[in-house]
N, C-alpha and C. Protein backbone atom coordinates (compact mmCIF):
# COMPACT_ATOMS: atom_id res chain seq x y z
N MET A 1 -3.07 -18.84 2.83
CA MET A 1 -4.44 -19.14 3.13
C MET A 1 -4.56 -20.62 3.45
N PRO A 2 -5.38 -20.98 4.42
CA PRO A 2 -5.49 -22.40 4.77
C PRO A 2 -6.27 -23.15 3.71
N ASP A 3 -6.03 -24.47 3.65
CA ASP A 3 -6.85 -25.27 2.74
C ASP A 3 -8.19 -25.54 3.43
N ASP A 4 -9.05 -26.33 2.79
CA ASP A 4 -10.39 -26.56 3.32
C ASP A 4 -10.38 -27.19 4.71
N ALA A 5 -9.35 -27.96 5.02
CA ALA A 5 -9.29 -28.63 6.33
C ALA A 5 -8.65 -27.73 7.38
N GLY A 6 -8.23 -26.52 7.00
CA GLY A 6 -7.60 -25.62 7.95
C GLY A 6 -6.14 -25.94 8.21
N ALA A 7 -5.54 -26.79 7.37
CA ALA A 7 -4.13 -27.15 7.54
C ALA A 7 -3.25 -25.96 7.18
N PRO A 8 -2.08 -25.88 7.76
CA PRO A 8 -1.16 -24.78 7.42
C PRO A 8 -0.74 -24.84 5.96
N THR A 9 -0.40 -23.69 5.43
CA THR A 9 0.03 -23.58 4.04
C THR A 9 1.42 -22.97 4.01
N LEU A 10 2.27 -23.50 3.17
CA LEU A 10 3.60 -22.94 2.95
C LEU A 10 3.64 -22.39 1.54
N ARG A 11 4.05 -21.16 1.40
CA ARG A 11 4.21 -20.55 0.09
C ARG A 11 5.67 -20.18 -0.08
N ARG A 12 6.30 -20.75 -1.07
CA ARG A 12 7.70 -20.44 -1.33
C ARG A 12 7.78 -19.15 -2.14
N GLY A 13 8.72 -18.30 -1.76
CA GLY A 13 8.87 -17.02 -2.44
C GLY A 13 10.17 -16.94 -3.22
N ALA A 14 10.18 -16.03 -4.18
CA ALA A 14 11.37 -15.76 -4.97
C ALA A 14 11.86 -14.37 -4.62
N LEU A 15 13.06 -14.29 -4.07
CA LEU A 15 13.58 -13.03 -3.57
C LEU A 15 13.70 -11.96 -4.64
N LYS A 16 14.25 -12.29 -5.79
CA LYS A 16 14.48 -11.27 -6.82
C LYS A 16 13.20 -10.72 -7.42
N SER A 17 12.19 -11.58 -7.59
CA SER A 17 10.96 -11.14 -8.26
C SER A 17 9.85 -10.76 -7.29
N TYR A 18 10.01 -11.07 -6.03
CA TYR A 18 8.97 -10.83 -5.03
C TYR A 18 7.64 -11.39 -5.51
N SER A 19 7.68 -12.69 -5.78
CA SER A 19 6.48 -13.43 -6.14
C SER A 19 6.44 -14.69 -5.29
N TRP A 20 5.24 -15.24 -5.13
CA TRP A 20 5.06 -16.41 -4.29
C TRP A 20 4.27 -17.45 -5.06
N ASP A 21 4.63 -18.73 -4.85
CA ASP A 21 3.93 -19.83 -5.50
C ASP A 21 2.44 -19.73 -5.21
N GLY A 22 1.63 -19.85 -6.25
CA GLY A 22 0.18 -19.88 -6.09
C GLY A 22 -0.46 -18.53 -5.81
N VAL A 23 0.30 -17.45 -5.88
CA VAL A 23 -0.25 -16.12 -5.62
C VAL A 23 -0.09 -15.29 -6.89
N GLU A 24 -1.20 -14.95 -7.49
CA GLU A 24 -1.18 -14.15 -8.72
C GLU A 24 -1.27 -12.67 -8.40
N PRO A 25 -0.47 -11.85 -9.07
CA PRO A 25 -0.66 -10.40 -8.92
C PRO A 25 -2.05 -10.01 -9.40
N ARG A 26 -2.68 -9.13 -8.66
CA ARG A 26 -4.02 -8.66 -8.99
C ARG A 26 -3.99 -7.16 -9.25
N PRO A 27 -5.04 -6.67 -9.90
CA PRO A 27 -5.14 -5.21 -10.02
C PRO A 27 -5.19 -4.59 -8.63
N TYR A 28 -4.66 -3.42 -8.53
CA TYR A 28 -4.61 -2.71 -7.25
C TYR A 28 -5.98 -2.29 -6.77
N ARG A 29 -6.78 -1.72 -7.64
CA ARG A 29 -8.09 -1.20 -7.27
C ARG A 29 -9.14 -1.61 -8.29
N ALA A 30 -10.36 -1.75 -7.81
CA ALA A 30 -11.48 -2.03 -8.71
C ALA A 30 -12.29 -0.76 -9.01
N GLU A 31 -12.14 0.26 -8.15
CA GLU A 31 -12.92 1.48 -8.33
C GLU A 31 -12.43 2.24 -9.57
N PRO A 32 -13.34 2.55 -10.50
CA PRO A 32 -12.91 3.22 -11.74
C PRO A 32 -12.45 4.66 -11.52
N ASP A 33 -12.89 5.31 -10.44
CA ASP A 33 -12.54 6.71 -10.23
C ASP A 33 -11.33 6.90 -9.32
N ALA A 34 -10.73 5.81 -8.84
CA ALA A 34 -9.55 5.92 -7.96
C ALA A 34 -8.36 6.39 -8.79
N ARG A 35 -7.59 7.31 -8.23
CA ARG A 35 -6.41 7.83 -8.91
C ARG A 35 -5.17 7.10 -8.41
N PHE A 36 -4.55 6.33 -9.29
CA PHE A 36 -3.32 5.61 -8.99
C PHE A 36 -2.66 5.27 -10.31
N GLU A 37 -1.41 4.83 -10.21
CA GLU A 37 -0.70 4.46 -11.44
C GLU A 37 0.36 3.41 -11.14
N GLY A 38 0.37 2.33 -11.91
CA GLY A 38 1.43 1.34 -11.87
C GLY A 38 1.53 0.54 -10.60
N VAL A 39 0.40 0.09 -10.04
CA VAL A 39 0.41 -0.64 -8.78
C VAL A 39 -0.25 -2.00 -8.95
N THR A 40 0.41 -3.05 -8.42
CA THR A 40 -0.20 -4.38 -8.34
C THR A 40 -0.20 -4.81 -6.88
N ARG A 41 -1.03 -5.82 -6.58
CA ARG A 41 -1.06 -6.35 -5.21
C ARG A 41 -1.15 -7.87 -5.27
N GLN A 42 -0.62 -8.49 -4.24
CA GLN A 42 -0.71 -9.94 -4.06
C GLN A 42 -1.17 -10.18 -2.62
N VAL A 43 -2.22 -10.95 -2.45
CA VAL A 43 -2.69 -11.30 -1.11
C VAL A 43 -1.94 -12.56 -0.70
N LEU A 44 -1.07 -12.44 0.30
CA LEU A 44 -0.23 -13.55 0.73
C LEU A 44 -0.91 -14.41 1.78
N PHE A 45 -1.56 -13.79 2.74
CA PHE A 45 -2.33 -14.50 3.76
C PHE A 45 -3.61 -13.74 4.03
N SER A 46 -4.70 -14.45 4.13
CA SER A 46 -5.97 -13.86 4.54
C SER A 46 -6.75 -14.99 5.19
N ASP A 47 -6.84 -14.94 6.50
CA ASP A 47 -7.46 -16.03 7.24
C ASP A 47 -8.24 -15.42 8.40
N PRO A 48 -9.54 -15.69 8.49
CA PRO A 48 -10.33 -15.11 9.58
C PRO A 48 -9.83 -15.49 10.96
N ARG A 49 -9.15 -16.62 11.07
CA ARG A 49 -8.61 -17.01 12.38
C ARG A 49 -7.49 -16.07 12.80
N LEU A 50 -6.78 -15.53 11.84
CA LEU A 50 -5.69 -14.60 12.12
C LEU A 50 -6.22 -13.18 12.33
N ARG A 51 -7.39 -12.90 11.73
CA ARG A 51 -8.00 -11.57 11.77
C ARG A 51 -7.19 -10.52 11.05
N GLY A 52 -6.21 -10.95 10.26
CA GLY A 52 -5.40 -10.01 9.51
C GLY A 52 -5.17 -10.50 8.10
N GLU A 53 -4.71 -9.60 7.27
CA GLU A 53 -4.39 -9.94 5.89
C GLU A 53 -3.03 -9.34 5.59
N LEU A 54 -2.14 -10.15 5.02
CA LEU A 54 -0.81 -9.70 4.63
C LEU A 54 -0.78 -9.63 3.11
N ARG A 55 -0.44 -8.45 2.60
CA ARG A 55 -0.43 -8.22 1.16
C ARG A 55 0.93 -7.67 0.74
N TYR A 56 1.29 -7.93 -0.51
CA TYR A 56 2.50 -7.36 -1.09
C TYR A 56 2.06 -6.44 -2.22
N PHE A 57 2.50 -5.20 -2.17
CA PHE A 57 2.22 -4.22 -3.22
C PHE A 57 3.51 -3.90 -3.94
N GLU A 58 3.39 -3.72 -5.25
CA GLU A 58 4.55 -3.27 -6.01
C GLU A 58 4.11 -2.09 -6.87
N VAL A 59 4.87 -1.00 -6.73
CA VAL A 59 4.60 0.23 -7.45
C VAL A 59 5.71 0.41 -8.47
N SER A 60 5.36 0.52 -9.75
CA SER A 60 6.37 0.66 -10.80
C SER A 60 7.05 2.03 -10.70
N PRO A 61 8.24 2.17 -11.28
CA PRO A 61 8.94 3.45 -11.20
C PRO A 61 8.04 4.62 -11.60
N GLY A 62 8.00 5.63 -10.75
CA GLY A 62 7.17 6.80 -11.00
C GLY A 62 5.69 6.61 -10.68
N GLY A 63 5.30 5.41 -10.28
CA GLY A 63 3.89 5.13 -9.98
C GLY A 63 3.52 5.53 -8.56
N TYR A 64 2.23 5.42 -8.25
CA TYR A 64 1.74 5.82 -6.93
C TYR A 64 0.42 5.13 -6.61
N SER A 65 0.20 4.94 -5.32
CA SER A 65 -1.06 4.38 -4.83
C SER A 65 -2.09 5.51 -4.74
N SER A 66 -3.31 5.16 -4.45
CA SER A 66 -4.35 6.18 -4.31
C SER A 66 -4.16 6.96 -3.01
N LEU A 67 -4.58 8.21 -3.02
CA LEU A 67 -4.62 9.04 -1.82
C LEU A 67 -5.93 8.69 -1.14
N GLU A 68 -5.84 8.20 0.11
CA GLU A 68 -7.04 7.70 0.78
C GLU A 68 -6.87 7.70 2.29
N ARG A 69 -7.99 7.43 2.96
CA ARG A 69 -8.00 7.17 4.40
C ARG A 69 -9.16 6.24 4.70
N HIS A 70 -9.14 5.64 5.90
CA HIS A 70 -10.16 4.68 6.29
C HIS A 70 -10.04 4.40 7.78
N ALA A 71 -10.99 3.65 8.32
CA ALA A 71 -11.02 3.38 9.76
C ALA A 71 -9.95 2.40 10.21
N HIS A 72 -9.49 1.53 9.34
CA HIS A 72 -8.48 0.55 9.75
C HIS A 72 -7.07 1.13 9.60
N MET A 73 -6.14 0.59 10.37
CA MET A 73 -4.76 1.05 10.27
C MET A 73 -3.95 0.12 9.37
N HIS A 74 -2.79 0.59 8.94
CA HIS A 74 -1.85 -0.19 8.15
C HIS A 74 -0.54 -0.34 8.92
N ALA A 75 0.12 -1.46 8.72
CA ALA A 75 1.51 -1.64 9.12
C ALA A 75 2.25 -2.02 7.85
N VAL A 76 3.21 -1.20 7.44
CA VAL A 76 3.89 -1.37 6.15
C VAL A 76 5.38 -1.61 6.38
N LEU A 77 5.93 -2.59 5.66
CA LEU A 77 7.36 -2.88 5.69
C LEU A 77 7.87 -2.84 4.25
N VAL A 78 8.77 -1.91 3.96
CA VAL A 78 9.34 -1.80 2.62
C VAL A 78 10.34 -2.93 2.43
N LEU A 79 10.19 -3.68 1.33
CA LEU A 79 11.11 -4.78 1.03
C LEU A 79 12.15 -4.38 -0.01
N CYS A 80 11.74 -3.62 -1.02
CA CYS A 80 12.69 -3.30 -2.09
C CYS A 80 12.39 -1.94 -2.68
N GLY A 81 13.42 -1.39 -3.32
CA GLY A 81 13.27 -0.13 -4.01
C GLY A 81 13.20 1.05 -3.07
N GLY A 82 12.61 2.11 -3.55
CA GLY A 82 12.53 3.32 -2.75
C GLY A 82 11.50 4.27 -3.29
N GLY A 83 11.25 5.29 -2.51
CA GLY A 83 10.29 6.30 -2.90
C GLY A 83 9.98 7.18 -1.72
N ARG A 84 8.75 7.61 -1.67
CA ARG A 84 8.29 8.47 -0.58
C ARG A 84 6.87 8.08 -0.21
N CYS A 85 6.49 8.45 1.01
CA CYS A 85 5.11 8.23 1.43
C CYS A 85 4.59 9.48 2.13
N LEU A 86 3.30 9.67 2.00
CA LEU A 86 2.59 10.71 2.72
C LEU A 86 1.79 10.02 3.80
N VAL A 87 1.96 10.46 5.05
CA VAL A 87 1.16 9.96 6.16
C VAL A 87 0.69 11.19 6.92
N GLY A 88 -0.60 11.48 6.85
CA GLY A 88 -1.11 12.71 7.43
C GLY A 88 -0.62 13.89 6.62
N GLU A 89 0.09 14.78 7.27
CA GLU A 89 0.67 15.94 6.57
C GLU A 89 2.19 15.83 6.49
N ASN A 90 2.71 14.62 6.72
CA ASN A 90 4.16 14.40 6.71
C ASN A 90 4.57 13.55 5.51
N VAL A 91 5.63 13.99 4.83
CA VAL A 91 6.19 13.26 3.70
C VAL A 91 7.52 12.67 4.15
N HIS A 92 7.72 11.38 3.87
CA HIS A 92 8.94 10.67 4.30
C HIS A 92 9.58 9.97 3.11
N ALA A 93 10.91 10.05 3.01
CA ALA A 93 11.64 9.20 2.07
C ALA A 93 11.65 7.80 2.67
N ILE A 94 11.43 6.78 1.84
CA ILE A 94 11.38 5.40 2.34
C ILE A 94 12.24 4.49 1.47
N GLY A 95 12.75 3.43 2.12
CA GLY A 95 13.58 2.44 1.44
C GLY A 95 13.52 1.12 2.16
N PRO A 96 14.28 0.13 1.69
CA PRO A 96 14.23 -1.21 2.25
C PRO A 96 14.37 -1.23 3.78
N HIS A 97 13.50 -2.02 4.38
CA HIS A 97 13.43 -2.30 5.81
C HIS A 97 12.81 -1.19 6.63
N ASP A 98 12.35 -0.11 5.99
CA ASP A 98 11.63 0.93 6.73
C ASP A 98 10.26 0.41 7.12
N LEU A 99 9.82 0.77 8.31
CA LEU A 99 8.50 0.42 8.83
C LEU A 99 7.67 1.69 8.91
N ILE A 100 6.45 1.62 8.39
CA ILE A 100 5.56 2.78 8.39
C ILE A 100 4.24 2.34 9.01
N THR A 101 3.76 3.10 9.97
CA THR A 101 2.45 2.86 10.56
C THR A 101 1.52 3.96 10.08
N VAL A 102 0.39 3.58 9.55
CA VAL A 102 -0.62 4.53 9.12
C VAL A 102 -1.80 4.40 10.08
N PRO A 103 -2.00 5.40 10.95
CA PRO A 103 -3.10 5.33 11.91
C PRO A 103 -4.46 5.41 11.22
N PRO A 104 -5.53 5.01 11.92
CA PRO A 104 -6.87 5.11 11.35
C PRO A 104 -7.20 6.56 10.95
N TRP A 105 -7.97 6.70 9.90
CA TRP A 105 -8.47 7.97 9.37
C TRP A 105 -7.38 8.97 9.03
N THR A 106 -6.21 8.47 8.62
CA THR A 106 -5.08 9.32 8.25
C THR A 106 -4.87 9.25 6.74
N TRP A 107 -4.79 10.41 6.10
CA TRP A 107 -4.51 10.43 4.66
C TRP A 107 -3.15 9.79 4.40
N HIS A 108 -3.06 9.00 3.36
CA HIS A 108 -1.79 8.36 3.03
C HIS A 108 -1.73 8.02 1.54
N GLN A 109 -0.49 7.98 1.07
CA GLN A 109 -0.21 7.60 -0.32
C GLN A 109 1.26 7.18 -0.40
N PHE A 110 1.55 6.21 -1.26
CA PHE A 110 2.91 5.74 -1.49
C PHE A 110 3.30 6.02 -2.93
N ARG A 111 4.52 6.53 -3.13
CA ARG A 111 5.03 6.85 -4.46
C ARG A 111 6.40 6.22 -4.65
N ALA A 112 6.59 5.55 -5.79
CA ALA A 112 7.90 5.00 -6.13
C ALA A 112 8.78 6.11 -6.69
N ALA A 113 10.07 5.97 -6.49
CA ALA A 113 11.03 6.90 -7.10
C ALA A 113 10.91 6.78 -8.62
N PRO A 114 11.29 7.82 -9.36
CA PRO A 114 11.16 7.76 -10.82
C PRO A 114 12.00 6.67 -11.47
N ASP A 115 13.07 6.23 -10.80
CA ASP A 115 14.00 5.28 -11.42
C ASP A 115 14.02 3.90 -10.76
N GLN A 116 13.08 3.63 -9.86
CA GLN A 116 13.06 2.30 -9.23
C GLN A 116 11.67 1.94 -8.74
N ARG A 117 11.41 0.64 -8.70
CA ARG A 117 10.13 0.18 -8.17
C ARG A 117 10.14 0.32 -6.66
N LEU A 118 8.96 0.23 -6.08
CA LEU A 118 8.79 0.24 -4.63
C LEU A 118 7.95 -0.97 -4.27
N GLY A 119 8.51 -1.90 -3.49
CA GLY A 119 7.78 -3.09 -3.08
C GLY A 119 7.64 -3.12 -1.58
N PHE A 120 6.43 -3.36 -1.09
CA PHE A 120 6.23 -3.38 0.36
C PHE A 120 5.14 -4.36 0.78
N LEU A 121 5.32 -4.88 1.99
CA LEU A 121 4.30 -5.69 2.65
C LEU A 121 3.37 -4.77 3.40
N CYS A 122 2.10 -5.11 3.44
CA CYS A 122 1.11 -4.30 4.15
C CYS A 122 0.22 -5.24 4.95
N LEU A 123 0.17 -5.03 6.25
CA LEU A 123 -0.67 -5.82 7.15
C LEU A 123 -1.89 -4.99 7.54
N VAL A 124 -3.08 -5.55 7.31
CA VAL A 124 -4.34 -4.88 7.64
C VAL A 124 -5.30 -5.88 8.25
N ASP A 125 -6.42 -5.39 8.76
CA ASP A 125 -7.50 -6.26 9.24
C ASP A 125 -8.04 -7.07 8.06
N ALA A 126 -8.35 -8.33 8.29
CA ALA A 126 -8.92 -9.15 7.23
C ALA A 126 -10.29 -8.61 6.82
N GLU A 127 -11.08 -8.17 7.78
CA GLU A 127 -12.36 -7.53 7.50
C GLU A 127 -12.18 -6.05 7.80
N ARG A 128 -12.31 -5.24 6.77
CA ARG A 128 -12.03 -3.82 6.94
C ARG A 128 -13.01 -2.99 6.12
N ASP A 129 -13.02 -1.71 6.41
CA ASP A 129 -13.88 -0.78 5.70
C ASP A 129 -13.26 -0.39 4.36
N ARG A 130 -14.03 0.25 3.53
CA ARG A 130 -13.58 0.69 2.21
C ARG A 130 -12.82 2.01 2.33
N PRO A 131 -11.82 2.22 1.49
CA PRO A 131 -11.10 3.49 1.52
C PRO A 131 -11.97 4.65 1.04
N VAL A 132 -11.64 5.83 1.54
CA VAL A 132 -12.36 7.05 1.17
C VAL A 132 -11.37 8.00 0.51
N ALA A 133 -11.71 8.52 -0.65
CA ALA A 133 -10.89 9.52 -1.33
C ALA A 133 -11.23 10.89 -0.76
N PRO A 134 -10.29 11.82 -0.85
CA PRO A 134 -10.58 13.16 -0.32
C PRO A 134 -11.61 13.90 -1.17
N SER A 135 -12.45 14.66 -0.49
CA SER A 135 -13.36 15.56 -1.20
C SER A 135 -12.51 16.70 -1.78
N GLU A 136 -13.11 17.50 -2.59
CA GLU A 136 -12.37 18.64 -3.16
C GLU A 136 -11.89 19.57 -2.04
N ALA A 137 -12.72 19.80 -1.02
CA ALA A 137 -12.33 20.67 0.09
C ALA A 137 -11.19 20.05 0.91
N GLU A 138 -11.24 18.73 1.12
CA GLU A 138 -10.17 18.06 1.87
C GLU A 138 -8.85 18.09 1.08
N ARG A 139 -8.94 17.90 -0.23
CA ARG A 139 -7.74 17.95 -1.07
C ARG A 139 -7.14 19.36 -1.05
N GLU A 140 -7.99 20.36 -1.12
CA GLU A 140 -7.51 21.75 -1.05
C GLU A 140 -6.81 22.02 0.28
N ALA A 141 -7.37 21.50 1.37
CA ALA A 141 -6.75 21.69 2.69
C ALA A 141 -5.37 21.02 2.74
N LEU A 142 -5.26 19.82 2.19
CA LEU A 142 -3.96 19.13 2.14
C LEU A 142 -2.96 19.93 1.30
N MET A 143 -3.42 20.50 0.21
CA MET A 143 -2.54 21.21 -0.71
C MET A 143 -2.01 22.52 -0.12
N ARG A 144 -2.57 22.97 0.98
CA ARG A 144 -2.06 24.19 1.63
C ARG A 144 -0.70 23.96 2.29
N GLN A 145 -0.36 22.70 2.55
CA GLN A 145 0.94 22.36 3.11
C GLN A 145 1.94 22.23 1.97
N PRO A 146 3.01 23.04 1.93
CA PRO A 146 3.95 23.01 0.79
C PRO A 146 4.53 21.62 0.51
N ALA A 147 4.94 20.89 1.53
CA ALA A 147 5.54 19.56 1.32
C ALA A 147 4.51 18.59 0.74
N VAL A 148 3.28 18.68 1.21
CA VAL A 148 2.22 17.80 0.71
C VAL A 148 1.89 18.18 -0.73
N ARG A 149 1.80 19.46 -1.02
CA ARG A 149 1.52 19.92 -2.37
C ARG A 149 2.57 19.41 -3.36
N GLU A 150 3.84 19.50 -3.01
CA GLU A 150 4.92 19.00 -3.87
C GLU A 150 4.82 17.49 -4.05
N PHE A 151 4.54 16.78 -2.95
CA PHE A 151 4.42 15.33 -3.01
C PHE A 151 3.28 14.92 -3.95
N LEU A 152 2.10 15.51 -3.77
CA LEU A 152 0.94 15.15 -4.59
C LEU A 152 1.13 15.55 -6.04
N ALA A 153 1.95 16.54 -6.30
CA ALA A 153 2.25 16.95 -7.68
C ALA A 153 3.30 16.02 -8.30
N GLY A 154 3.84 15.09 -7.51
CA GLY A 154 4.82 14.14 -8.04
C GLY A 154 6.22 14.69 -8.12
N ARG A 155 6.50 15.76 -7.35
CA ARG A 155 7.85 16.34 -7.35
C ARG A 155 8.61 15.98 -6.12
C-alpha cells in the first residue's frame, strides 16, 4: 500500500512462513453465518491506482474457504501446500504454482489437504461486490453432481 505521499512501498517477505513485514494476518470473514474453517488472509497490496488487490490466504490442514460466488473474478496462484478447489461444477487437485481463474458468478471453494496447509495469492478488484452464499435450492442443485457432493462433504 502506498504511503500518504503515494511513494512506492517495499514489503519484505519470509519464504518459509509466508508473512510480510507490516502485514498482519486477519480473520478470513466477518460474516457470522459464513461457513469456513481454518482460514486467514493478508492484504498485501490494495491501491485504487492499481484497481486491484493482492491477498494471501492460508488454509490450515483440513480447512476450507466459504462456498460463494460474486460479480468479480479471481486470479489465484497456489504458493504452498496442496488441496482441491471447486470452480463451477468442476473439482481440481491443486498444488504449488497452479493458476486458477474463477469467472464472475461462479461457485467456488478452496480446501486444504488433511495433512498440509494450502497457501495462495488471490488477485481481485480493489472495489468489489460482496460474496453470496448459495440458497438451499442452489446448494441442492450443486449436490446433484457426485464430484461436487463428495468435495462439499470434505471427502
